[in-house]
Amino acid sequence: MTAEPRDQRDPLASPGTWRRCSSCKGDIGFGETYYVCSVSTCNTARAPLTFCSLECWQSHVPAMRHRDAWAEERRSPSAPADPSTLSTPRGEGTASAASDETRRRRVVSSAAEPDEPDSAHEVLIVASKLKAYVREVAEMNTSDRVFTILSDHLRELARRAARHARDDGRKTVLDRDFYAVLKELK
């Protein structure tokens, strides 16, 4: 059983409302019915997901890849404990809103470049298939470190193939673009 959310208001919610829907960004007022996901990772204390309707909850399930989940109906607090804590739109605000802004920090990894896509460090290889292939062909195990190296090589091949397709005036990377890149590498 998940813990009930505290009487925390979303700072981005409209004045006089409790929170915003995590899916459609509509307001959830005080004393209204809302839904939460039964999966514990969706109900963290720092960033709980709340939904104004079952349709909004259903729209998040495929994105989160839940295997077994259901919506739990809840009721938002009837009124704020302290009326001075009602949320205000960004830009307007009290001294406490200004102090919250100054306390926020953005932490960025020094290894990541600012113009790299999010997928720049993901593994592009199906690890289980490559491990099975190496075991079948050479009767050997495969280290997990191999996948990052191969993924980096695939990214470079893809960049060069995309450049080749662009030079040919196309917006689609074809197999012949990869063949041309591989010929250049020989």
C-alpha atoms as a PDB file:
ATOM      1  CA  MET A   1       0.000   0.000   0.000  1.00  0.00           C
ATOM      2  CA  THR A   2       1.391   3.385  -0.948  1.00  0.00           C
ATOM      3  CA  ALA A   3       1.527   6.283   1.440  1.00  0.00           C
ATOM      4  CA  GLU A   4      -0.946   9.085   1.028  1.00  0.00           C
ATOM      5  CA  PRO A   5       0.613  12.184  -0.503  1.00  0.00           C
ATOM      6  CA  ARG A   6       1.202  15.018   1.883  1.00  0.00           C
ATOM      7  CA  ASP A   7      -0.629  18.289   1.506  1.00  0.00           C
ATOM      8  CA  GLN A   8       1.951  19.402  -1.046  1.00  0.00           C
ATOM      9  CA  ARG A   9       0.870  21.679  -3.833  1.00  0.00           C
ATOM     10  CA  ASP A  10       2.393  21.765  -7.263  1.00  0.00           C
ATOM     11  CA  PRO A  11       4.175  25.103  -7.747  1.00  0.00           C
ATOM     12  CA  LEU A  12       3.101  25.121 -11.404  1.00  0.00           C
ATOM     13  CA  ALA A  13      -0.605  24.619 -10.639  1.00  0.00           C
ATOM     14  CA  SER A  14      -3.015  27.508 -11.079  1.00  0.00           C
ATOM     15  CA  PRO A  15      -3.816  29.574  -7.995  1.00  0.00           C
ATOM     16  CA  GLY A  16      -6.358  27.869  -5.757  1.00  0.00           C
ATOM     17  CA  THR A  17      -5.707  24.383  -7.116  1.00  0.00           C
ATOM     18  CA  TRP A  18      -3.910  21.472  -5.509  1.00  0.00           C
ATOM     19  CA  ARG A  19      -1.884  19.918  -8.355  1.00  0.00           C
ATOM     20  CA  ARG A  20      -1.642  19.503 -12.102  1.00  0.00           C
ATOM     21  CA  CYS A  21      -2.416  16.277 -13.936  1.00  0.00           C
ATOM     22  CA  SER A  22       0.843  14.531 -14.875  1.00  0.00           C
ATOM     23  CA  SER A  23      -0.549  13.666 -18.297  1.00  0.00           C
ATOM     24  CA  CYS A  24      -2.789  16.460 -19.650  1.00  0.00           C
ATOM     25  CA  LYS A  25      -1.472  19.184 -17.290  1.00  0.00           C
ATOM     26  CA  GLY A  26      -5.032  20.099 -16.284  1.00  0.00           C
ATOM     27  CA  ASP A  27      -5.660  21.377 -12.768  1.00  0.00           C
ATOM     28  CA  ILE A  28      -6.769  19.094  -9.928  1.00  0.00           C
ATOM     29  CA  GLY A  29      -8.594  21.196  -7.354  1.00  0.00           C
ATOM     30  CA  PHE A  30      -8.985  20.765  -3.626  1.00  0.00           C
ATOM     31  CA  GLY A  31     -11.506  18.096  -2.612  1.00  0.00           C
ATOM     32  CA  GLU A  32     -11.554  16.489  -6.077  1.00  0.00           C
ATOM     33  CA  THR A  33     -11.104  12.868  -7.077  1.00  0.00           C
ATOM     34  CA  TYR A  34      -7.813  12.020  -8.755  1.00  0.00           C
ATOM     35  CA  TYR A  35      -5.945   8.834  -9.638  1.00  0.00           C
ATOM     36  CA  VAL A  36      -2.484   7.497  -8.894  1.00  0.00           C
ATOM     37  CA  CYS A  37      -0.645   4.571 -10.412  1.00  0.00           C
ATOM     38  CA  SER A  38      -0.299   1.396  -8.358  1.00  0.00           C
ATOM     39  CA  VAL A  39       3.360   1.034  -9.352  1.00  0.00           C
ATOM     40  CA  SER A  40       5.623   2.270  -6.570  1.00  0.00           C
ATOM     41  CA  THR A  41       8.094   4.034  -8.871  1.00  0.00           C
ATOM     42  CA  CYS A  42       5.293   6.324 -10.052  1.00  0.00           C
ATOM     43  CA  ASN A  43       4.547   7.398  -6.474  1.00  0.00           C
ATOM     44  CA  THR A  44       7.847   8.723  -5.226  1.00  0.00           C
ATOM     45  CA  ALA A  45       7.703  11.394  -2.547  1.00  0.00           C
ATOM     46  CA  ARG A  46       9.656  13.913  -4.614  1.00  0.00           C
ATOM     47  CA  ALA A  47       7.719  13.543  -7.863  1.00  0.00           C
ATOM     48  CA  PRO A  48       4.400  11.737  -7.437  1.00  0.00           C
ATOM     49  CA  LEU A  49       2.361  11.198 -10.589  1.00  0.00           C
ATOM     50  CA  THR A  50      -1.261  12.286 -10.242  1.00  0.00           C
ATOM     51  CA  PHE A  51      -3.935  12.016 -12.933  1.00  0.00           C
ATOM     52  CA  CYS A  52      -7.238  13.851 -13.273  1.00  0.00           C
ATOM     53  CA  SER A  53      -9.023  10.974 -15.053  1.00  0.00           C
ATOM     54  CA  LEU A  54      -8.671   7.309 -15.908  1.00  0.00           C
ATOM     55  CA  GLU A  55      -7.929   8.256 -19.520  1.00  0.00           C
ATOM     56  CA  CYS A  56      -4.918  10.306 -18.398  1.00  0.00           C
ATOM     57  CA  TRP A  57      -3.707   7.414 -16.244  1.00  0.00           C
ATOM     58  CA  GLN A  58      -4.116   4.986 -19.168  1.00  0.00           C
ATOM     59  CA  SER A  59      -2.060   7.256 -21.430  1.00  0.00           C
ATOM     60  CA  HIS A  60       0.984   6.964 -19.145  1.00  0.00           C
ATOM     61  CA  VAL A  61       0.956   3.137 -18.896  1.00  0.00           C
ATOM     62  CA  PRO A  62       2.512   2.401 -22.334  1.00  0.00           C
ATOM     63  CA  ALA A  63       5.155   5.092 -21.858  1.00  0.00           C
ATOM     64  CA  MET A  64       6.188   3.665 -18.488  1.00  0.00           C
ATOM     65  CA  ARG A  65       6.005   0.065 -19.793  1.00  0.00           C
ATOM     66  CA  HIS A  66       4.076  -1.250 -16.802  1.00  0.00           C
ATOM     67  CA  ARG A  67       3.304  -4.941 -16.970  1.00  0.00           C
ATOM     68  CA  ASP A  68       0.765  -5.120 -14.175  1.00  0.00           C
ATOM     69  CA  ALA A  69      -0.690  -1.817 -13.004  1.00  0.00           C
ATOM     70  CA  TRP A  70      -3.992  -0.297 -11.999  1.00  0.00           C
ATOM     71  CA  ALA A  71      -5.288   3.134 -11.112  1.00  0.00           C
ATOM     72  CA  GLU A  72      -6.032   3.895  -7.480  1.00  0.00           C
ATOM     73  CA  GLU A  73      -8.713   6.475  -6.813  1.00  0.00           C
ATOM     74  CA  ARG A  74      -7.844   9.138  -4.245  1.00  0.00           C
ATOM     75  CA  ARG A  75      -9.276  12.410  -2.993  1.00  0.00           C
ATOM     76  CA  SER A  76      -7.233  15.581  -2.851  1.00  0.00           C
ATOM     77  CA  PRO A  77      -7.135  17.544   0.434  1.00  0.00           C
ATOM     78  CA  SER A  78     -10.290  19.540   1.100  1.00  0.00           C
ATOM     79  CA  ALA A  79      -8.412  22.795   1.677  1.00  0.00           C
ATOM     80  CA  PRO A  80      -4.843  23.912   2.138  1.00  0.00           C
ATOM     81  CA  ALA A  81      -3.557  23.719   5.685  1.00  0.00           C
ATOM     82  CA  ASP A  82      -2.151  27.234   5.358  1.00  0.00           C
ATOM     83  CA  PRO A  83      -3.851  29.553   2.826  1.00  0.00           C
ATOM     84  CA  SER A  84      -0.612  31.497   2.413  1.00  0.00           C
ATOM     85  CA  THR A  85       0.921  28.392   0.801  1.00  0.00           C
ATOM     86  CA  LEU A  86      -1.444  28.442  -2.176  1.00  0.00           C
ATOM     87  CA  SER A  87       0.488  28.075  -5.363  1.00  0.00           C
ATOM     88  CA  THR A  88       1.118  31.126  -7.478  1.00  0.00           C
ATOM     89  CA  PRO A  89       2.047  31.227 -11.131  1.00  0.00           C
ATOM     90  CA  ARG A  90       5.747  31.393 -11.907  1.00  0.00           C
ATOM     91  CA  GLY A  91       7.152  34.850 -12.033  1.00  0.00           C
ATOM     92  CA  GLU A  92       4.635  36.149  -9.534  1.00  0.00           C
ATOM     93  CA  GLY A  93       5.165  35.288  -6.006  1.00  0.00           C
ATOM     94  CA  THR A  94       6.244  35.706  -2.529  1.00  0.00           C
ATOM     95  CA  ALA A  95       9.653  35.766  -0.920  1.00  0.00           C
ATOM     96  CA  SER A  96       9.437  32.010  -0.344  1.00  0.00           C
ATOM     97  CA  ALA A  97       9.011  31.423  -4.085  1.00  0.00           C
ATOM     98  CA  ALA A  98      12.099  33.533  -4.731  1.00  0.00           C
ATOM     99  CA  SER A  99      14.091  31.622  -2.128  1.00  0.00           C
ATOM    100  CA  ASP A 100      13.012  28.324  -3.748  1.00  0.00           C
ATOM    101  CA  GLU A 101      14.360  29.576  -7.070  1.00  0.00           C
ATOM    102  CA  THR A 102      17.708  30.444  -5.536  1.00  0.00           C
ATOM    103  CA  ARG A 103      18.010  27.041  -3.836  1.00  0.00           C
ATOM    104  CA  ARG A 104      17.584  25.101  -7.063  1.00  0.00           C
ATOM    105  CA  ARG A 105      20.724  23.852  -8.732  1.00  0.00           C
ATOM    106  CA  ARG A 106      21.221  22.254 -12.066  1.00  0.00           C
ATOM    107  CA  VAL A 107      23.752  19.445 -12.055  1.00  0.00           C
ATOM    108  CA  VAL A 108      25.159  18.491 -15.433  1.00  0.00           C
ATOM    109  CA  SER A 109      27.627  15.714 -16.071  1.00  0.00           C
ATOM    110  CA  SER A 110      30.913  17.050 -17.376  1.00  0.00           C
ATOM    111  CA  ALA A 111      31.159  14.065 -19.742  1.00  0.00           C
ATOM    112  CA  ALA A 112      27.979  14.956 -21.655  1.00  0.00           C
ATOM    113  CA  GLU A 113      28.229  17.484 -24.428  1.00  0.00           C
ATOM    114  CA  PRO A 114      25.375  20.017 -24.601  1.00  0.00           C
ATOM    115  CA  ASP A 115      24.423  19.241 -28.214  1.00  0.00           C
ATOM    116  CA  GLU A 116      24.423  15.443 -27.858  1.00  0.00           C
ATOM    117  CA  PRO A 117      21.054  13.675 -28.006  1.00  0.00           C
ATOM    118  CA  ASP A 118      19.837  11.704 -24.984  1.00  0.00           C
ATOM    119  CA  SER A 119      20.538   8.433 -26.812  1.00  0.00           C
ATOM    120  CA  ALA A 120      24.225   9.295 -27.276  1.00  0.00           C
ATOM    121  CA  HIS A 121      25.253   6.936 -24.477  1.00  0.00           C
ATOM    122  CA  GLU A 122      22.649   4.168 -24.807  1.00  0.00           C
ATOM    123  CA  VAL A 123      23.607   0.645 -25.818  1.00  0.00           C
ATOM    124  CA  LEU A 124      22.494   0.026 -29.393  1.00  0.00           C
ATOM    125  CA  ILE A 125      23.322  -3.694 -29.439  1.00  0.00           C
ATOM    126  CA  VAL A 126      20.944  -6.489 -28.425  1.00  0.00           C
ATOM    127  CA  ALA A 127      23.226  -7.938 -25.763  1.00  0.00           C
ATOM    128  CA  SER A 128      21.551 -11.321 -25.406  1.00  0.00           C
ATOM    129  CA  LYS A 129      21.663 -12.000 -29.145  1.00  0.00           C
ATOM    130  CA  LEU A 130      25.347 -11.062 -29.471  1.00  0.00           C
ATOM    131  CA  LYS A 131      26.261 -13.139 -26.408  1.00  0.00           C
ATOM    132  CA  ALA A 132      24.376 -16.121 -27.831  1.00  0.00           C
ATOM    133  CA  TYR A 133      26.068 -15.712 -31.211  1.00  0.00           C
ATOM    134  CA  VAL A 134      29.582 -15.560 -29.718  1.00  0.00           C
ATOM    135  CA  ARG A 135      28.822 -18.574 -27.544  1.00  0.00           C
ATOM    136  CA  GLU A 136      27.492 -20.538 -30.543  1.00  0.00           C
ATOM    137  CA  VAL A 137      30.353 -19.634 -32.894  1.00  0.00           C
ATOM    138  CA  ALA A 138      33.342 -19.535 -30.539  1.00  0.00           C
ATOM    139  CA  GLU A 139      32.090 -21.187 -27.338  1.00  0.00           C
ATOM    140  CA  MET A 140      33.146 -18.090 -25.376  1.00  0.00           C
ATOM    141  CA  ASN A 141      31.502 -15.603 -23.039  1.00  0.00           C
ATOM    142  CA  THR A 142      31.155 -11.898 -23.888  1.00  0.00           C
ATOM    143  CA  SER A 143      32.033  -9.069 -21.512  1.00  0.00           C
ATOM    144  CA  ASP A 144      29.439  -6.341 -20.910  1.00  0.00           C
ATOM    145  CA  ARG A 145      32.051  -3.722 -21.805  1.00  0.00           C
ATOM    146  CA  VAL A 146      31.889  -4.868 -25.435  1.00  0.00           C
ATOM    147  CA  PHE A 147      28.439  -3.386 -25.961  1.00  0.00           C
ATOM    148  CA  THR A 148      29.412   0.225 -25.263  1.00  0.00           C
ATOM    149  CA  ILE A 149      32.376  -0.013 -27.650  1.00  0.00           C
ATOM    150  CA  LEU A 150      30.240  -1.536 -30.405  1.00  0.00           C
ATOM    151  CA  SER A 151      27.515   1.044 -29.803  1.00  0.00           C
ATOM    152  CA  ASP A 152      30.046   3.861 -30.193  1.00  0.00           C
ATOM    153  CA  HIS A 153      31.222   2.360 -33.485  1.00  0.00           C
ATOM    154  CA  LEU A 154      27.628   2.017 -34.704  1.00  0.00           C
ATOM    155  CA  ARG A 155      26.933   5.660 -33.857  1.00  0.00           C
ATOM    156  CA  GLU A 156      29.946   6.761 -35.890  1.00  0.00           C
ATOM    157  CA  LEU A 157      28.905   4.551 -38.835  1.00  0.00           C
ATOM    158  CA  ALA A 158      25.371   5.954 -38.638  1.00  0.00           C
ATOM    159  CA  ARG A 159      26.656   9.554 -38.593  1.00  0.00           C
ATOM    160  CA  ARG A 160      28.838   8.916 -41.645  1.00  0.00           C
ATOM    161  CA  ALA A 161      26.045   7.076 -43.492  1.00  0.00           C
ATOM    162  CA  ALA A 162      23.634   9.952 -42.767  1.00  0.00           C
ATOM    163  CA  ARG A 163      26.214  12.422 -44.092  1.00  0.00           C
ATOM    164  CA  HIS A 164      26.568  10.293 -47.245  1.00  0.00           C
ATOM    165  CA  ALA A 165      22.781  10.235 -47.747  1.00  0.00           C
ATOM    166  CA  ARG A 166      22.591  14.020 -47.215  1.00  0.00           C
ATOM    167  CA  ASP A 167      25.371  14.543 -49.782  1.00  0.00           C
ATOM    168  CA  ASP A 168      23.301  12.495 -52.253  1.00  0.00           C
ATOM    169  CA  GLY A 169      20.320  14.784 -51.602  1.00  0.00           C
ATOM    170  CA  ARG A 170      18.255  12.191 -49.724  1.00  0.00           C
ATOM    171  CA  LYS A 171      16.527  12.296 -46.366  1.00  0.00           C
ATOM    172  CA  THR A 172      16.605   8.527 -45.950  1.00  0.00           C
ATOM    173  CA  VAL A 173      19.676   6.536 -44.962  1.00  0.00           C
ATOM    174  CA  LEU A 174      19.894   3.407 -47.105  1.00  0.00           C
ATOM    175  CA  ASP A 175      22.005   0.258 -46.960  1.00  0.00           C
ATOM    176  CA  ARG A 176      24.179   1.581 -49.763  1.00  0.00           C
ATOM    177  CA  ASP A 177      25.177   4.499 -47.526  1.00  0.00           C
ATOM    178  CA  PHE A 178      26.568   2.053 -44.990  1.00  0.00           C
ATOM    179  CA  TYR A 179      28.313   0.068 -47.748  1.00  0.00           C
ATOM    180  CA  ALA A 180      29.972   3.281 -48.962  1.00  0.00           C
ATOM    181  CA  VAL A 181      31.145   4.124 -45.442  1.00  0.00           C
ATOM    182  CA  LEU A 182      32.519   0.621 -44.914  1.00  0.00           C
ATOM    183  CA  LYS A 183      34.389   0.816 -48.223  1.00  0.00           C
ATOM    184  CA  GLU A 184      35.978   4.097 -47.097  1.00  0.00           C
ATOM    185  CA  LEU A 185      37.187   2.449 -43.889  1.00  0.00           C
ATOM    186  CA  LYS A 186      39.039  -0.342 -45.758  1.00  0.00           C
END
